[in-house]
Amino acid sequence: MWIPDKKNQARAECIESKHVMSAKNFGRHLTCWQGGRRKVCKKDATFNQIEGDMHNLQPAIGEVNGDRSNYRYSLFTKEFNQYRQFKSAMDFKAHVFQPRNENRGMIARAYLYMSDKYKINLSNQEKKLMMAWNTMYAPENFECKRNAHIAKVQDNDNKFVTGRCTQ
């Protein structure tokens, strides 16, 4: 078991469901977000659909999820000493998070799906990073099976996963 040496041991010992693309990132494209952010958007059917989309939800260690907040993804370090064996890093000043290698492809495919499905604009830098990660990190069998299961439950697949799984 991972024993944290950080501020929130209780949260560090929990697995939480996290949005790969943060609610702030997809919410800012909706009118309700300008009127009061998540609190107001909770009454918006479109926001609720996007927020509950299973292709954008993944398990995460609570403390890492809390620390990541709504930070964007980035590559900025070769030293991973914040979360021990999880080889992720946070730059709290720059508000960016560097995920471990094993998660980069899945993150990219979730981002590309969200951008495509909900017409969410990505910055040029963000799009280039996600396209590169999608190419560099092929989906593993688990991601392919998960996508197929979500397609049955949610009635739509993530074409960025499906396309890579059938190659």
N, C-alpha and C. Protein backbone atom coordinates (compact mmCIF):
# COMPACT_ATOMS: atom_id res chain seq x y z
N MET A 1 0.84 -1.18 0.00
CA MET A 1 0.00 0.00 0.00
C MET A 1 0.88 1.24 0.00
N TRP A 2 0.44 2.23 -0.76
CA TRP A 2 1.17 3.50 -0.83
C TRP A 2 0.85 4.30 0.42
N ILE A 3 1.90 4.67 1.16
CA ILE A 3 1.73 5.50 2.34
C ILE A 3 2.21 6.90 1.99
N PRO A 4 1.32 7.86 1.97
CA PRO A 4 1.71 9.21 1.55
C PRO A 4 2.51 9.92 2.61
N ASP A 5 3.32 10.85 2.17
CA ASP A 5 4.00 11.72 3.12
C ASP A 5 3.57 13.15 2.84
N LYS A 6 2.33 13.29 2.44
CA LYS A 6 1.77 14.58 2.06
C LYS A 6 0.74 15.02 3.08
N LYS A 7 0.03 16.07 2.75
CA LYS A 7 -0.86 16.74 3.69
C LYS A 7 -2.18 16.01 3.96
N ASN A 8 -2.63 15.16 3.06
CA ASN A 8 -3.97 14.61 3.19
C ASN A 8 -3.95 13.08 3.12
N GLN A 9 -3.55 12.46 4.19
CA GLN A 9 -3.40 11.01 4.19
C GLN A 9 -4.73 10.30 3.93
N ALA A 10 -5.82 10.78 4.50
CA ALA A 10 -7.12 10.13 4.29
C ALA A 10 -7.48 10.11 2.81
N ARG A 11 -7.29 11.23 2.14
CA ARG A 11 -7.62 11.29 0.71
C ARG A 11 -6.62 10.49 -0.12
N ALA A 12 -5.38 10.42 0.35
CA ALA A 12 -4.35 9.66 -0.36
C ALA A 12 -4.66 8.17 -0.37
N GLU A 13 -5.41 7.71 0.60
CA GLU A 13 -5.74 6.29 0.69
C GLU A 13 -7.04 5.94 -0.01
N CYS A 14 -7.66 6.90 -0.67
CA CYS A 14 -8.93 6.69 -1.38
C CYS A 14 -8.71 6.67 -2.88
N ILE A 15 -9.56 5.91 -3.55
CA ILE A 15 -9.63 5.97 -5.00
C ILE A 15 -10.88 6.77 -5.33
N GLU A 16 -10.71 7.78 -6.17
CA GLU A 16 -11.82 8.64 -6.55
C GLU A 16 -12.03 8.57 -8.05
N SER A 17 -13.19 8.95 -8.48
CA SER A 17 -13.47 9.08 -9.90
C SER A 17 -13.11 10.51 -10.30
N LYS A 18 -12.27 10.65 -11.31
CA LYS A 18 -11.82 11.98 -11.71
C LYS A 18 -12.13 12.23 -13.18
N HIS A 19 -12.30 13.48 -13.51
CA HIS A 19 -12.47 13.88 -14.90
C HIS A 19 -11.08 14.01 -15.52
N VAL A 20 -10.86 13.34 -16.63
CA VAL A 20 -9.60 13.47 -17.34
C VAL A 20 -9.50 14.91 -17.86
N MET A 21 -10.52 15.35 -18.56
CA MET A 21 -10.63 16.76 -18.92
C MET A 21 -11.44 17.40 -17.80
N SER A 22 -10.86 18.36 -17.13
CA SER A 22 -11.50 18.92 -15.95
C SER A 22 -12.82 19.61 -16.28
N ALA A 23 -13.69 19.67 -15.27
CA ALA A 23 -14.98 20.34 -15.43
C ALA A 23 -14.77 21.80 -15.83
N LYS A 24 -13.74 22.42 -15.32
CA LYS A 24 -13.46 23.81 -15.70
C LYS A 24 -13.18 23.90 -17.19
N ASN A 25 -12.44 22.94 -17.72
CA ASN A 25 -12.08 22.98 -19.14
C ASN A 25 -13.31 22.78 -20.03
N PHE A 26 -14.17 21.79 -19.71
CA PHE A 26 -15.34 21.62 -20.56
C PHE A 26 -16.47 22.57 -20.19
N GLY A 27 -16.55 22.97 -18.93
CA GLY A 27 -17.61 23.86 -18.49
C GLY A 27 -17.50 25.26 -19.06
N ARG A 28 -16.28 25.73 -19.24
CA ARG A 28 -16.08 27.11 -19.71
C ARG A 28 -16.66 27.34 -21.10
N HIS A 29 -17.00 26.27 -21.81
CA HIS A 29 -17.61 26.38 -23.13
C HIS A 29 -19.13 26.55 -23.05
N LEU A 30 -19.67 26.49 -21.84
CA LEU A 30 -21.12 26.57 -21.67
C LEU A 30 -21.53 27.89 -21.04
N THR A 31 -22.68 28.38 -21.41
CA THR A 31 -23.19 29.65 -20.89
C THR A 31 -23.34 29.59 -19.37
N CYS A 32 -23.80 28.47 -18.85
CA CYS A 32 -24.04 28.36 -17.41
C CYS A 32 -22.76 28.60 -16.59
N TRP A 33 -21.61 28.27 -17.15
CA TRP A 33 -20.35 28.42 -16.43
C TRP A 33 -20.07 29.89 -16.10
N GLN A 34 -20.40 30.77 -17.02
CA GLN A 34 -20.18 32.20 -16.79
C GLN A 34 -21.13 32.72 -15.70
N GLY A 35 -22.24 32.03 -15.50
CA GLY A 35 -23.23 32.48 -14.53
C GLY A 35 -23.01 31.98 -13.12
N GLY A 36 -21.99 31.19 -12.89
CA GLY A 36 -21.76 30.69 -11.54
C GLY A 36 -21.02 29.38 -11.49
N ARG A 37 -20.41 29.03 -12.58
CA ARG A 37 -19.59 27.82 -12.67
C ARG A 37 -20.39 26.57 -12.35
N ARG A 38 -19.76 25.63 -11.67
CA ARG A 38 -20.36 24.31 -11.45
C ARG A 38 -21.70 24.40 -10.72
N LYS A 39 -21.80 25.27 -9.75
CA LYS A 39 -23.04 25.38 -8.97
C LYS A 39 -24.24 25.67 -9.87
N VAL A 40 -24.10 26.60 -10.79
CA VAL A 40 -25.19 26.92 -11.72
C VAL A 40 -25.31 25.84 -12.79
N CYS A 41 -24.19 25.32 -13.26
CA CYS A 41 -24.21 24.31 -14.32
C CYS A 41 -24.86 23.00 -13.87
N LYS A 42 -24.90 22.72 -12.59
CA LYS A 42 -25.53 21.49 -12.10
C LYS A 42 -27.00 21.40 -12.54
N LYS A 43 -27.60 22.54 -12.89
CA LYS A 43 -28.99 22.58 -13.33
C LYS A 43 -29.09 22.51 -14.86
N ASP A 44 -27.96 22.41 -15.55
CA ASP A 44 -27.91 22.43 -17.01
C ASP A 44 -27.77 21.00 -17.54
N ALA A 45 -28.70 20.57 -18.37
CA ALA A 45 -28.71 19.20 -18.89
C ALA A 45 -27.46 18.88 -19.71
N THR A 46 -27.00 19.84 -20.50
CA THR A 46 -25.80 19.60 -21.32
C THR A 46 -24.58 19.40 -20.43
N PHE A 47 -24.43 20.25 -19.42
CA PHE A 47 -23.31 20.09 -18.49
C PHE A 47 -23.37 18.72 -17.81
N ASN A 48 -24.55 18.32 -17.36
CA ASN A 48 -24.68 17.04 -16.68
C ASN A 48 -24.33 15.87 -17.59
N GLN A 49 -24.69 15.97 -18.87
CA GLN A 49 -24.33 14.91 -19.82
C GLN A 49 -22.81 14.84 -19.97
N ILE A 50 -22.19 16.00 -20.16
CA ILE A 50 -20.73 16.03 -20.35
C ILE A 50 -20.03 15.57 -19.07
N GLU A 51 -20.48 16.07 -17.92
CA GLU A 51 -19.84 15.72 -16.66
C GLU A 51 -19.92 14.22 -16.37
N GLY A 52 -21.00 13.57 -16.77
CA GLY A 52 -21.16 12.15 -16.50
C GLY A 52 -20.68 11.23 -17.60
N ASP A 53 -20.09 11.77 -18.64
CA ASP A 53 -19.61 10.93 -19.75
C ASP A 53 -18.50 10.01 -19.24
N MET A 54 -18.76 8.72 -19.29
CA MET A 54 -17.82 7.74 -18.73
C MET A 54 -16.49 7.68 -19.47
N HIS A 55 -16.46 8.12 -20.70
CA HIS A 55 -15.18 8.13 -21.43
C HIS A 55 -14.21 9.15 -20.84
N ASN A 56 -14.71 10.08 -20.05
CA ASN A 56 -13.87 11.11 -19.44
C ASN A 56 -13.64 10.87 -17.95
N LEU A 57 -14.08 9.76 -17.44
CA LEU A 57 -13.92 9.45 -16.01
C LEU A 57 -12.94 8.30 -15.82
N GLN A 58 -12.03 8.47 -14.89
CA GLN A 58 -11.02 7.45 -14.59
C GLN A 58 -10.80 7.39 -13.09
N PRO A 59 -10.39 6.24 -12.57
CA PRO A 59 -10.03 6.19 -11.14
C PRO A 59 -8.72 6.92 -10.91
N ALA A 60 -8.63 7.55 -9.74
CA ALA A 60 -7.40 8.27 -9.38
C ALA A 60 -7.23 8.24 -7.87
N ILE A 61 -6.00 8.28 -7.43
CA ILE A 61 -5.73 8.41 -6.01
C ILE A 61 -6.21 9.79 -5.59
N GLY A 62 -6.98 9.83 -4.52
CA GLY A 62 -7.63 11.06 -4.09
C GLY A 62 -6.71 12.24 -3.94
N GLU A 63 -5.56 12.04 -3.33
CA GLU A 63 -4.66 13.17 -3.11
C GLU A 63 -4.12 13.72 -4.43
N VAL A 64 -3.78 12.83 -5.36
CA VAL A 64 -3.28 13.28 -6.66
C VAL A 64 -4.41 14.01 -7.40
N ASN A 65 -5.62 13.47 -7.33
CA ASN A 65 -6.77 14.12 -7.95
C ASN A 65 -6.99 15.51 -7.36
N GLY A 66 -6.93 15.62 -6.06
CA GLY A 66 -7.11 16.91 -5.40
C GLY A 66 -6.01 17.89 -5.76
N ASP A 67 -4.77 17.42 -5.76
CA ASP A 67 -3.65 18.29 -6.12
C ASP A 67 -3.75 18.75 -7.57
N ARG A 68 -4.14 17.84 -8.45
CA ARG A 68 -4.22 18.18 -9.88
C ARG A 68 -5.31 19.23 -10.12
N SER A 69 -6.37 19.18 -9.38
CA SER A 69 -7.45 20.16 -9.50
C SER A 69 -7.87 20.27 -10.96
N ASN A 70 -7.74 21.44 -11.54
CA ASN A 70 -8.11 21.64 -12.94
C ASN A 70 -6.89 22.00 -13.79
N TYR A 71 -5.71 21.59 -13.32
CA TYR A 71 -4.47 21.89 -14.03
C TYR A 71 -4.45 21.20 -15.39
N ARG A 72 -3.80 21.84 -16.33
CA ARG A 72 -3.62 21.27 -17.67
C ARG A 72 -2.48 20.25 -17.63
N TYR A 73 -2.44 19.39 -18.63
CA TYR A 73 -1.37 18.40 -18.76
C TYR A 73 -0.19 19.03 -19.47
N SER A 74 1.00 18.54 -19.12
CA SER A 74 2.22 19.11 -19.68
C SER A 74 3.36 18.12 -19.50
N LEU A 75 4.47 18.40 -20.15
CA LEU A 75 5.75 17.72 -19.92
C LEU A 75 6.71 18.78 -19.43
N PHE A 76 7.24 18.61 -18.22
CA PHE A 76 8.11 19.67 -17.69
C PHE A 76 9.25 19.17 -16.81
N THR A 77 9.30 17.88 -16.50
CA THR A 77 10.35 17.42 -15.60
C THR A 77 10.75 15.98 -15.91
N LYS A 78 11.91 15.61 -15.41
CA LYS A 78 12.35 14.21 -15.46
C LYS A 78 12.44 13.65 -14.05
N GLU A 79 12.14 14.48 -13.07
CA GLU A 79 12.19 14.05 -11.67
C GLU A 79 10.78 13.86 -11.14
N PHE A 80 10.54 12.68 -10.60
CA PHE A 80 9.22 12.35 -10.08
C PHE A 80 9.36 11.95 -8.62
N ASN A 81 9.34 12.95 -7.75
CA ASN A 81 9.53 12.64 -6.34
C ASN A 81 8.35 13.04 -5.47
N GLN A 82 7.27 13.51 -6.07
CA GLN A 82 6.12 13.96 -5.29
C GLN A 82 5.20 12.81 -4.88
N TYR A 83 5.04 11.84 -5.75
CA TYR A 83 4.05 10.79 -5.52
C TYR A 83 4.67 9.39 -5.57
N ARG A 84 5.92 9.32 -5.17
CA ARG A 84 6.65 8.06 -5.09
C ARG A 84 6.55 7.25 -6.37
N GLN A 85 6.06 6.00 -6.28
CA GLN A 85 6.08 5.09 -7.43
C GLN A 85 5.13 5.50 -8.55
N PHE A 86 4.33 6.53 -8.37
CA PHE A 86 3.36 6.89 -9.38
C PHE A 86 3.93 7.76 -10.49
N LYS A 87 5.14 8.22 -10.34
CA LYS A 87 5.89 8.92 -11.39
C LYS A 87 5.05 9.95 -12.13
N SER A 88 4.35 10.74 -11.35
CA SER A 88 3.62 11.90 -11.85
C SER A 88 4.21 13.12 -11.16
N ALA A 89 3.98 14.28 -11.73
CA ALA A 89 4.53 15.50 -11.12
C ALA A 89 3.55 16.65 -11.29
N MET A 90 3.63 17.54 -10.33
CA MET A 90 2.77 18.71 -10.31
C MET A 90 3.66 19.95 -10.24
N ASP A 91 3.37 20.93 -11.07
CA ASP A 91 4.02 22.23 -10.94
C ASP A 91 2.92 23.17 -10.46
N PHE A 92 2.91 23.42 -9.15
CA PHE A 92 1.85 24.22 -8.55
C PHE A 92 1.90 25.68 -8.97
N LYS A 93 3.08 26.18 -9.27
CA LYS A 93 3.19 27.58 -9.70
C LYS A 93 2.68 27.77 -11.12
N ALA A 94 3.02 26.85 -12.01
CA ALA A 94 2.60 26.95 -13.41
C ALA A 94 1.22 26.34 -13.66
N HIS A 95 0.67 25.68 -12.65
CA HIS A 95 -0.66 25.05 -12.76
C HIS A 95 -0.70 23.99 -13.86
N VAL A 96 0.31 23.11 -13.88
CA VAL A 96 0.35 22.01 -14.84
C VAL A 96 0.67 20.70 -14.12
N PHE A 97 0.20 19.63 -14.73
CA PHE A 97 0.38 18.28 -14.20
C PHE A 97 1.00 17.41 -15.27
N GLN A 98 2.02 16.65 -14.89
CA GLN A 98 2.65 15.71 -15.81
C GLN A 98 2.30 14.30 -15.38
N PRO A 99 1.46 13.62 -16.16
CA PRO A 99 1.08 12.25 -15.79
C PRO A 99 2.18 11.25 -16.11
N ARG A 100 2.08 10.12 -15.48
CA ARG A 100 3.06 9.07 -15.77
C ARG A 100 2.83 8.52 -17.18
N ASN A 101 3.85 7.93 -17.73
CA ASN A 101 3.81 7.42 -19.11
C ASN A 101 2.62 6.52 -19.37
N GLU A 102 2.32 5.63 -18.44
CA GLU A 102 1.27 4.63 -18.63
C GLU A 102 -0.10 5.25 -18.86
N ASN A 103 -0.29 6.48 -18.43
CA ASN A 103 -1.61 7.12 -18.54
C ASN A 103 -1.72 8.11 -19.69
N ARG A 104 -0.64 8.41 -20.33
CA ARG A 104 -0.65 9.48 -21.33
C ARG A 104 -1.53 9.17 -22.54
N GLY A 105 -1.47 7.98 -23.06
CA GLY A 105 -2.31 7.63 -24.21
C GLY A 105 -3.79 7.69 -23.87
N MET A 106 -4.16 7.13 -22.72
CA MET A 106 -5.55 7.16 -22.29
C MET A 106 -6.04 8.59 -22.11
N ILE A 107 -5.20 9.44 -21.50
CA ILE A 107 -5.54 10.85 -21.32
C ILE A 107 -5.75 11.51 -22.68
N ALA A 108 -4.85 11.26 -23.59
CA ALA A 108 -4.95 11.86 -24.93
C ALA A 108 -6.24 11.45 -25.62
N ARG A 109 -6.57 10.17 -25.58
CA ARG A 109 -7.77 9.70 -26.26
C ARG A 109 -9.04 10.24 -25.60
N ALA A 110 -9.03 10.41 -24.29
CA ALA A 110 -10.18 11.03 -23.61
C ALA A 110 -10.31 12.49 -24.03
N TYR A 111 -9.20 13.21 -24.08
CA TYR A 111 -9.22 14.63 -24.47
C TYR A 111 -9.70 14.79 -25.91
N LEU A 112 -9.16 13.97 -26.81
CA LEU A 112 -9.54 14.08 -28.21
C LEU A 112 -11.02 13.74 -28.38
N TYR A 113 -11.50 12.75 -27.66
CA TYR A 113 -12.93 12.39 -27.68
C TYR A 113 -13.78 13.56 -27.20
N MET A 114 -13.43 14.13 -26.05
CA MET A 114 -14.22 15.23 -25.49
C MET A 114 -14.24 16.42 -26.44
N SER A 115 -13.10 16.74 -27.02
CA SER A 115 -13.02 17.85 -27.97
C SER A 115 -13.91 17.59 -29.17
N ASP A 116 -13.86 16.39 -29.70
CA ASP A 116 -14.63 16.02 -30.88
C ASP A 116 -16.14 15.94 -30.57
N LYS A 117 -16.49 15.23 -29.54
CA LYS A 117 -17.91 14.98 -29.23
C LYS A 117 -18.64 16.24 -28.81
N TYR A 118 -18.00 17.06 -27.97
CA TYR A 118 -18.68 18.22 -27.40
C TYR A 118 -18.19 19.55 -27.98
N LYS A 119 -17.41 19.48 -29.05
CA LYS A 119 -16.92 20.69 -29.74
C LYS A 119 -16.17 21.61 -28.78
N ILE A 120 -15.29 21.02 -27.99
CA ILE A 120 -14.47 21.77 -27.04
C ILE A 120 -13.15 22.11 -27.70
N ASN A 121 -12.86 23.38 -27.77
CA ASN A 121 -11.61 23.82 -28.40
C ASN A 121 -10.43 23.52 -27.50
N LEU A 122 -9.39 22.97 -28.11
CA LEU A 122 -8.12 22.77 -27.43
C LEU A 122 -7.14 23.79 -27.99
N SER A 123 -6.23 24.26 -27.15
CA SER A 123 -5.19 25.15 -27.66
C SER A 123 -4.32 24.35 -28.63
N ASN A 124 -3.58 25.05 -29.48
CA ASN A 124 -2.69 24.37 -30.42
C ASN A 124 -1.69 23.49 -29.69
N GLN A 125 -1.14 24.01 -28.60
CA GLN A 125 -0.16 23.26 -27.81
C GLN A 125 -0.80 22.01 -27.21
N GLU A 126 -2.00 22.16 -26.67
CA GLU A 126 -2.71 21.04 -26.06
C GLU A 126 -3.04 19.97 -27.12
N LYS A 127 -3.53 20.41 -28.26
CA LYS A 127 -3.87 19.47 -29.32
C LYS A 127 -2.64 18.71 -29.80
N LYS A 128 -1.52 19.41 -29.98
CA LYS A 128 -0.28 18.74 -30.42
C LYS A 128 0.18 17.71 -29.39
N LEU A 129 0.10 18.07 -28.11
CA LEU A 129 0.50 17.15 -27.06
C LEU A 129 -0.39 15.92 -27.06
N MET A 130 -1.69 16.11 -27.15
CA MET A 130 -2.62 14.98 -27.13
C MET A 130 -2.47 14.09 -28.36
N MET A 131 -2.24 14.68 -29.51
CA MET A 131 -2.03 13.89 -30.72
C MET A 131 -0.73 13.08 -30.60
N ALA A 132 0.30 13.69 -30.05
CA ALA A 132 1.57 12.99 -29.87
C ALA A 132 1.41 11.83 -28.89
N TRP A 133 0.78 12.09 -27.76
CA TRP A 133 0.57 11.01 -26.77
C TRP A 133 -0.29 9.90 -27.34
N ASN A 134 -1.30 10.24 -28.12
CA ASN A 134 -2.15 9.22 -28.72
C ASN A 134 -1.32 8.31 -29.63
N THR A 135 -0.41 8.91 -30.38
CA THR A 135 0.45 8.15 -31.29
C THR A 135 1.49 7.33 -30.53
N MET A 136 2.10 7.94 -29.53
CA MET A 136 3.21 7.30 -28.80
C MET A 136 2.76 6.16 -27.88
N TYR A 137 1.57 6.26 -27.34
CA TYR A 137 1.11 5.30 -26.32
C TYR A 137 -0.16 4.62 -26.79
N ALA A 138 0.00 3.45 -27.37
CA ALA A 138 -1.14 2.68 -27.87
C ALA A 138 -2.02 2.20 -26.71
N PRO A 139 -3.31 2.03 -26.96
CA PRO A 139 -4.17 1.53 -25.88
C PRO A 139 -3.82 0.09 -25.53
N GLU A 140 -3.90 -0.19 -24.25
CA GLU A 140 -3.69 -1.56 -23.79
C GLU A 140 -5.02 -2.29 -23.84
N ASN A 141 -4.97 -3.58 -23.70
CA ASN A 141 -6.17 -4.40 -23.78
C ASN A 141 -7.26 -3.92 -22.82
N PHE A 142 -6.88 -3.50 -21.62
CA PHE A 142 -7.85 -3.03 -20.65
C PHE A 142 -8.61 -1.81 -21.18
N GLU A 143 -7.91 -0.88 -21.81
CA GLU A 143 -8.55 0.33 -22.34
C GLU A 143 -9.52 -0.03 -23.46
N CYS A 144 -9.15 -1.00 -24.29
CA CYS A 144 -10.02 -1.44 -25.37
C CYS A 144 -11.30 -2.09 -24.81
N LYS A 145 -11.13 -2.94 -23.81
CA LYS A 145 -12.30 -3.59 -23.19
C LYS A 145 -13.17 -2.58 -22.47
N ARG A 146 -12.56 -1.65 -21.78
CA ARG A 146 -13.31 -0.60 -21.07
C ARG A 146 -14.13 0.21 -22.06
N ASN A 147 -13.54 0.60 -23.18
CA ASN A 147 -14.23 1.36 -24.21
C ASN A 147 -15.44 0.58 -24.74
N ALA A 148 -15.26 -0.70 -24.99
CA ALA A 148 -16.36 -1.53 -25.49
C ALA A 148 -17.49 -1.62 -24.45
N HIS A 149 -17.12 -1.75 -23.18
CA HIS A 149 -18.12 -1.82 -22.11
C HIS A 149 -18.88 -0.49 -22.01
N ILE A 150 -18.16 0.62 -22.03
CA ILE A 150 -18.82 1.93 -21.95
C ILE A 150 -19.74 2.12 -23.16
N ALA A 151 -19.32 1.66 -24.33
CA ALA A 151 -20.15 1.78 -25.53
C ALA A 151 -21.49 1.07 -25.33
N LYS A 152 -21.48 -0.06 -24.66
CA LYS A 152 -22.73 -0.79 -24.39
C LYS A 152 -23.60 -0.03 -23.38
N VAL A 153 -22.98 0.48 -22.33
CA VAL A 153 -23.72 1.15 -21.27
C VAL A 153 -24.19 2.54 -21.69
N GLN A 154 -23.31 3.29 -22.33
CA GLN A 154 -23.56 4.69 -22.64
C GLN A 154 -24.08 4.88 -24.07
N ASP A 155 -24.00 3.83 -24.86
CA ASP A 155 -24.49 3.82 -26.23
C ASP A 155 -23.63 4.66 -27.19
N ASN A 156 -22.36 4.84 -26.86
CA ASN A 156 -21.41 5.43 -27.81
C ASN A 156 -19.99 5.05 -27.40
N ASP A 157 -19.15 4.87 -28.40
CA ASP A 157 -17.76 4.54 -28.12
C ASP A 157 -16.89 5.78 -28.24
N ASN A 158 -15.64 5.63 -27.83
CA ASN A 158 -14.64 6.66 -28.06
C ASN A 158 -13.89 6.21 -29.31
N LYS A 159 -14.16 6.87 -30.43
CA LYS A 159 -13.58 6.43 -31.70
C LYS A 159 -12.06 6.49 -31.70
N PHE A 160 -11.49 7.30 -30.82
CA PHE A 160 -10.03 7.38 -30.76
C PHE A 160 -9.43 6.13 -30.11
N VAL A 161 -10.21 5.46 -29.28
CA VAL A 161 -9.80 4.18 -28.72
C VAL A 161 -10.14 3.07 -29.69
N THR A 162 -11.37 3.05 -30.18
CA THR A 162 -11.82 2.00 -31.08
C THR A 162 -10.90 1.91 -32.30
N GLY A 163 -10.55 3.03 -32.88
CA GLY A 163 -9.68 3.04 -34.05
C GLY A 163 -8.30 2.46 -33.79
N ARG A 164 -7.79 2.66 -32.58
CA ARG A 164 -6.47 2.12 -32.23
C ARG A 164 -6.55 0.66 -31.80
N CYS A 165 -7.69 0.23 -31.27
CA CYS A 165 -7.82 -1.15 -30.78
C CYS A 165 -8.01 -2.13 -31.93
N THR A 166 -8.54 -1.68 -33.04
CA THR A 166 -8.83 -2.59 -34.15
C THR A 166 -7.69 -2.64 -35.16
N GLN A 167 -6.59 -1.93 -34.90
CA GLN A 167 -5.47 -1.93 -35.83
C GLN A 167 -4.64 -3.18 -35.65
